[in-house]
């Protein structure tokens, strides 16, 4: 029996140490991080001409990866684009110019004729 205690006690101690090491430790106090500068965001609704899901992908895609644009969602039913952006980095006018460049008229910017003509026939919205 004494031999059993001699072997099991160190094993129990090792097991307890292993379990304790796996427990989450309280984080050491760290240096305070400097406050991130706040970014002023603006959300606007812009009328954009289009007809279908292809138009939606094209309109939203024209604003994807654009610096200063945080989100852009065009609704096929209402023909309205809701865009959230940083007005210090991109203007409402520049947003509409980007959309017009891919063939879609906006409330303030008409798409160039050559851009409109590149649209698939199902996406053309101007009266013939």
Foldseek 3Di string as FASTA:
>chain_A
DVVVCVPVVVVVVVVVVVVVVPDDDDDDDDDDDDDDDDADKDKDKWQKDWADPVLQCLLQVLCPPPPFWDGWGADRVVSIIITMGRCVRDNPVRSQVSNLCCQMHIPVRHRDPVNVVPDPPNTRDDDD
